[in-house]
Amino acid sequence: MILSDQTIREQIAAGRIVIDPYDDALVQPSSIDVRISHLFRVFRNHTAGVIDVKSDMTGLTELVEMPKDGSEPFMLHPGEFVLGSTLERVGVPDDL
């Protein structure tokens, strides 16, 4: 479902869409921008030939914390798999 910016704002005002912290400037014509945080989870899949999700995966990922002020770039290398977290927490009901 695609919502207009007006509908997005109405749903936020009604409490059906929850964004914390909320900044109205992040609402776009049919989306809400989210900002990447300083925390990244980098997968080190070269450490294991086979990944068995039933076994202990300690050492398979590494938490990388970048400076909060953005003074250093995060380098994403070709073929690397990384998860990043957002500054915002988002809640959307199932019917949207």
N, C-alpha and C. Protein backbone atom coordinates (compact mmCIF):
# COMPACT_ATOMS: atom_id res chain seq x y z
N MET A 1 0.84 -1.16 0.00
CA MET A 1 0.00 0.00 0.00
C MET A 1 0.90 1.24 0.00
N ILE A 2 0.59 2.16 -0.87
CA ILE A 2 1.34 3.41 -0.94
C ILE A 2 0.47 4.51 -0.34
N LEU A 3 1.02 5.23 0.61
CA LEU A 3 0.30 6.31 1.27
C LEU A 3 0.88 7.65 0.85
N SER A 4 0.01 8.64 0.72
CA SER A 4 0.48 10.00 0.43
C SER A 4 1.07 10.60 1.70
N ASP A 5 1.80 11.69 1.54
CA ASP A 5 2.36 12.35 2.71
C ASP A 5 1.27 12.82 3.66
N GLN A 6 0.15 13.28 3.11
CA GLN A 6 -0.97 13.72 3.95
C GLN A 6 -1.52 12.55 4.77
N THR A 7 -1.70 11.40 4.12
CA THR A 7 -2.20 10.22 4.82
C THR A 7 -1.19 9.73 5.86
N ILE A 8 0.08 9.78 5.53
CA ILE A 8 1.13 9.39 6.48
C ILE A 8 1.03 10.26 7.73
N ARG A 9 0.92 11.57 7.53
CA ARG A 9 0.82 12.48 8.68
C ARG A 9 -0.46 12.23 9.49
N GLU A 10 -1.57 11.94 8.80
CA GLU A 10 -2.83 11.64 9.49
C GLU A 10 -2.68 10.38 10.34
N GLN A 11 -2.03 9.35 9.80
CA GLN A 11 -1.85 8.09 10.52
C GLN A 11 -0.91 8.27 11.71
N ILE A 12 0.08 9.13 11.57
CA ILE A 12 0.98 9.44 12.69
C ILE A 12 0.21 10.17 13.78
N ALA A 13 -0.60 11.17 13.38
CA ALA A 13 -1.39 11.93 14.35
C ALA A 13 -2.39 11.04 15.08
N ALA A 14 -2.93 10.03 14.38
CA ALA A 14 -3.89 9.10 14.98
C ALA A 14 -3.19 8.04 15.83
N GLY A 15 -1.87 7.98 15.77
CA GLY A 15 -1.12 7.01 16.56
C GLY A 15 -1.02 5.63 15.92
N ARG A 16 -1.45 5.51 14.67
CA ARG A 16 -1.38 4.21 13.98
C ARG A 16 0.01 3.94 13.44
N ILE A 17 0.70 4.98 13.00
CA ILE A 17 2.11 4.88 12.62
C ILE A 17 2.89 5.56 13.73
N VAL A 18 3.87 4.86 14.26
CA VAL A 18 4.68 5.41 15.35
C VAL A 18 6.12 5.50 14.87
N ILE A 19 6.69 6.69 14.99
CA ILE A 19 8.10 6.91 14.65
C ILE A 19 8.72 7.68 15.81
N ASP A 20 9.78 7.12 16.37
CA ASP A 20 10.40 7.74 17.53
C ASP A 20 11.92 7.73 17.37
N PRO A 21 12.57 8.87 17.32
CA PRO A 21 12.02 10.22 17.38
C PRO A 21 11.41 10.62 16.03
N TYR A 22 10.37 11.44 16.10
CA TYR A 22 9.67 11.87 14.89
C TYR A 22 10.15 13.25 14.48
N ASP A 23 10.42 13.40 13.19
CA ASP A 23 10.78 14.69 12.60
C ASP A 23 9.95 14.83 11.33
N ASP A 24 9.04 15.79 11.31
CA ASP A 24 8.14 15.96 10.18
C ASP A 24 8.89 16.20 8.87
N ALA A 25 10.10 16.74 8.96
CA ALA A 25 10.89 17.01 7.75
C ALA A 25 11.29 15.72 7.03
N LEU A 26 11.20 14.57 7.70
CA LEU A 26 11.57 13.30 7.09
C LEU A 26 10.43 12.68 6.28
N VAL A 27 9.22 13.27 6.37
CA VAL A 27 8.09 12.76 5.60
C VAL A 27 8.21 13.27 4.17
N GLN A 28 8.20 12.34 3.22
CA GLN A 28 8.32 12.64 1.80
C GLN A 28 6.97 12.39 1.12
N PRO A 29 6.82 12.66 -0.19
CA PRO A 29 5.52 12.50 -0.85
C PRO A 29 4.85 11.14 -0.66
N SER A 30 5.59 10.05 -0.59
CA SER A 30 4.96 8.74 -0.36
C SER A 30 5.84 7.83 0.48
N SER A 31 6.62 8.44 1.37
CA SER A 31 7.52 7.65 2.22
C SER A 31 7.97 8.47 3.42
N ILE A 32 8.69 7.80 4.30
CA ILE A 32 9.32 8.47 5.43
C ILE A 32 10.80 8.09 5.39
N ASP A 33 11.65 9.09 5.35
CA ASP A 33 13.09 8.82 5.39
C ASP A 33 13.47 8.38 6.80
N VAL A 34 14.36 7.43 6.89
CA VAL A 34 14.96 7.06 8.17
C VAL A 34 16.46 7.27 8.05
N ARG A 35 17.08 7.53 9.18
CA ARG A 35 18.51 7.83 9.19
C ARG A 35 19.28 6.66 9.78
N ILE A 36 20.42 6.39 9.20
CA ILE A 36 21.26 5.28 9.67
C ILE A 36 21.98 5.70 10.95
N SER A 37 22.09 4.78 11.88
CA SER A 37 22.78 5.09 13.13
C SER A 37 24.28 4.82 12.98
N HIS A 38 24.98 4.86 14.07
CA HIS A 38 26.43 4.65 14.07
C HIS A 38 26.79 3.18 14.32
N LEU A 39 25.79 2.30 14.44
CA LEU A 39 26.04 0.89 14.73
C LEU A 39 25.81 0.02 13.50
N PHE A 40 26.77 -0.85 13.22
CA PHE A 40 26.69 -1.76 12.09
C PHE A 40 27.06 -3.16 12.55
N ARG A 41 26.39 -4.16 11.99
CA ARG A 41 26.73 -5.56 12.27
C ARG A 41 27.31 -6.11 10.97
N VAL A 42 28.61 -6.41 10.98
CA VAL A 42 29.32 -6.87 9.79
C VAL A 42 29.46 -8.39 9.87
N PHE A 43 29.04 -9.08 8.83
CA PHE A 43 29.15 -10.54 8.78
C PHE A 43 30.53 -10.92 8.28
N ARG A 44 31.18 -11.77 9.02
CA ARG A 44 32.51 -12.28 8.66
C ARG A 44 32.35 -13.71 8.17
N ASN A 45 31.61 -13.87 7.06
CA ASN A 45 31.28 -15.22 6.59
C ASN A 45 32.49 -15.96 6.02
N HIS A 46 33.62 -15.30 5.87
CA HIS A 46 34.82 -16.00 5.41
C HIS A 46 35.44 -16.84 6.53
N THR A 47 34.93 -16.68 7.76
CA THR A 47 35.47 -17.45 8.89
C THR A 47 34.91 -18.86 8.95
N ALA A 48 33.87 -19.13 8.16
CA ALA A 48 33.26 -20.47 8.17
C ALA A 48 32.88 -20.85 6.75
N GLY A 49 33.19 -22.07 6.36
CA GLY A 49 32.83 -22.54 5.02
C GLY A 49 31.34 -22.80 4.90
N VAL A 50 30.75 -23.27 5.99
CA VAL A 50 29.32 -23.56 6.03
C VAL A 50 28.75 -22.89 7.27
N ILE A 51 27.59 -22.27 7.12
CA ILE A 51 26.93 -21.63 8.25
C ILE A 51 25.75 -22.49 8.66
N ASP A 52 25.81 -23.03 9.86
CA ASP A 52 24.72 -23.83 10.42
C ASP A 52 24.02 -22.98 11.46
N VAL A 53 22.78 -22.54 11.15
CA VAL A 53 22.07 -21.64 12.05
C VAL A 53 21.69 -22.30 13.38
N LYS A 54 21.78 -23.62 13.46
CA LYS A 54 21.48 -24.32 14.71
C LYS A 54 22.67 -24.34 15.65
N SER A 55 23.84 -24.03 15.14
CA SER A 55 25.04 -24.05 15.98
C SER A 55 25.39 -22.64 16.46
N ASP A 56 26.31 -22.57 17.37
CA ASP A 56 26.77 -21.30 17.91
C ASP A 56 27.43 -20.48 16.80
N MET A 57 26.97 -19.26 16.63
CA MET A 57 27.51 -18.42 15.56
C MET A 57 28.38 -17.30 16.10
N THR A 58 28.88 -17.48 17.31
CA THR A 58 29.79 -16.50 17.89
C THR A 58 31.00 -16.36 16.96
N GLY A 59 31.35 -15.16 16.67
CA GLY A 59 32.48 -14.92 15.79
C GLY A 59 32.09 -14.76 14.33
N LEU A 60 30.82 -15.04 14.01
CA LEU A 60 30.37 -14.89 12.62
C LEU A 60 30.10 -13.43 12.27
N THR A 61 29.74 -12.64 13.28
CA THR A 61 29.49 -11.22 13.05
C THR A 61 30.34 -10.40 14.00
N GLU A 62 30.50 -9.16 13.61
CA GLU A 62 31.26 -8.22 14.44
C GLU A 62 30.47 -6.93 14.52
N LEU A 63 30.30 -6.40 15.73
CA LEU A 63 29.64 -5.12 15.91
C LEU A 63 30.66 -4.02 15.67
N VAL A 64 30.34 -3.13 14.73
CA VAL A 64 31.22 -2.01 14.43
C VAL A 64 30.51 -0.74 14.85
N GLU A 65 31.15 0.03 15.72
CA GLU A 65 30.58 1.27 16.20
C GLU A 65 31.39 2.43 15.64
N MET A 66 30.75 3.25 14.85
CA MET A 66 31.41 4.40 14.24
C MET A 66 31.21 5.62 15.14
N PRO A 67 32.04 6.65 14.99
CA PRO A 67 31.84 7.87 15.78
C PRO A 67 30.46 8.48 15.49
N LYS A 68 29.76 8.88 16.53
CA LYS A 68 28.41 9.44 16.37
C LYS A 68 28.41 10.75 15.59
N ASP A 69 29.52 11.45 15.60
CA ASP A 69 29.58 12.74 14.91
C ASP A 69 29.78 12.61 13.40
N GLY A 70 29.92 11.39 12.91
CA GLY A 70 30.08 11.17 11.47
C GLY A 70 31.44 11.56 10.94
N SER A 71 32.42 11.68 11.82
CA SER A 71 33.75 12.12 11.39
C SER A 71 34.51 11.07 10.58
N GLU A 72 34.07 9.81 10.67
CA GLU A 72 34.71 8.73 9.89
C GLU A 72 33.66 8.05 9.03
N PRO A 73 33.97 7.78 7.77
CA PRO A 73 33.01 7.06 6.92
C PRO A 73 33.01 5.57 7.24
N PHE A 74 31.88 4.92 6.99
CA PHE A 74 31.82 3.47 7.08
C PHE A 74 32.08 2.92 5.69
N MET A 75 33.07 2.08 5.54
CA MET A 75 33.43 1.54 4.23
C MET A 75 32.74 0.18 4.03
N LEU A 76 31.90 0.11 3.03
CA LEU A 76 31.23 -1.14 2.66
C LEU A 76 31.97 -1.69 1.44
N HIS A 77 32.57 -2.84 1.61
CA HIS A 77 33.40 -3.43 0.56
C HIS A 77 32.57 -4.33 -0.35
N PRO A 78 32.99 -4.53 -1.60
CA PRO A 78 32.25 -5.39 -2.53
C PRO A 78 32.04 -6.79 -1.95
N GLY A 79 30.82 -7.28 -2.04
CA GLY A 79 30.49 -8.62 -1.57
C GLY A 79 30.29 -8.72 -0.07
N GLU A 80 30.45 -7.63 0.64
CA GLU A 80 30.31 -7.65 2.10
C GLU A 80 28.84 -7.50 2.47
N PHE A 81 28.42 -8.23 3.50
CA PHE A 81 27.04 -8.16 3.98
C PHE A 81 27.04 -7.48 5.33
N VAL A 82 26.28 -6.39 5.42
CA VAL A 82 26.26 -5.57 6.63
C VAL A 82 24.82 -5.22 6.97
N LEU A 83 24.50 -5.25 8.25
CA LEU A 83 23.21 -4.76 8.73
C LEU A 83 23.47 -3.46 9.48
N GLY A 84 22.65 -2.47 9.20
CA GLY A 84 22.75 -1.20 9.92
C GLY A 84 21.44 -0.94 10.65
N SER A 85 21.52 -0.28 11.77
CA SER A 85 20.30 0.08 12.49
C SER A 85 19.97 1.54 12.22
N THR A 86 18.71 1.87 12.41
CA THR A 86 18.27 3.24 12.17
C THR A 86 18.21 4.01 13.49
N LEU A 87 18.24 5.33 13.38
CA LEU A 87 18.06 6.16 14.56
C LEU A 87 16.61 6.09 15.04
N GLU A 88 15.69 5.88 14.11
CA GLU A 88 14.27 5.86 14.43
C GLU A 88 13.78 4.44 14.71
N ARG A 89 12.82 4.34 15.62
CA ARG A 89 12.08 3.10 15.82
C ARG A 89 10.74 3.33 15.14
N VAL A 90 10.31 2.35 14.34
CA VAL A 90 9.11 2.50 13.53
C VAL A 90 8.11 1.42 13.88
N GLY A 91 6.85 1.82 14.02
CA GLY A 91 5.76 0.87 14.25
C GLY A 91 4.65 1.13 13.26
N VAL A 92 4.21 0.08 12.56
CA VAL A 92 3.16 0.19 11.55
C VAL A 92 2.18 -0.97 11.76
N PRO A 93 0.87 -0.69 11.77
CA PRO A 93 -0.09 -1.78 11.95
C PRO A 93 -0.13 -2.70 10.73
N ASP A 94 -0.61 -3.92 10.94
CA ASP A 94 -0.65 -4.93 9.87
C ASP A 94 -1.48 -4.50 8.66
N ASP A 95 -2.50 -3.67 8.86
CA ASP A 95 -3.39 -3.32 7.75
C ASP A 95 -2.90 -2.15 6.92
N LEU A 96 -1.72 -1.64 7.22
CA LEU A 96 -1.16 -0.57 6.38
C LEU A 96 -0.09 -1.16 5.52
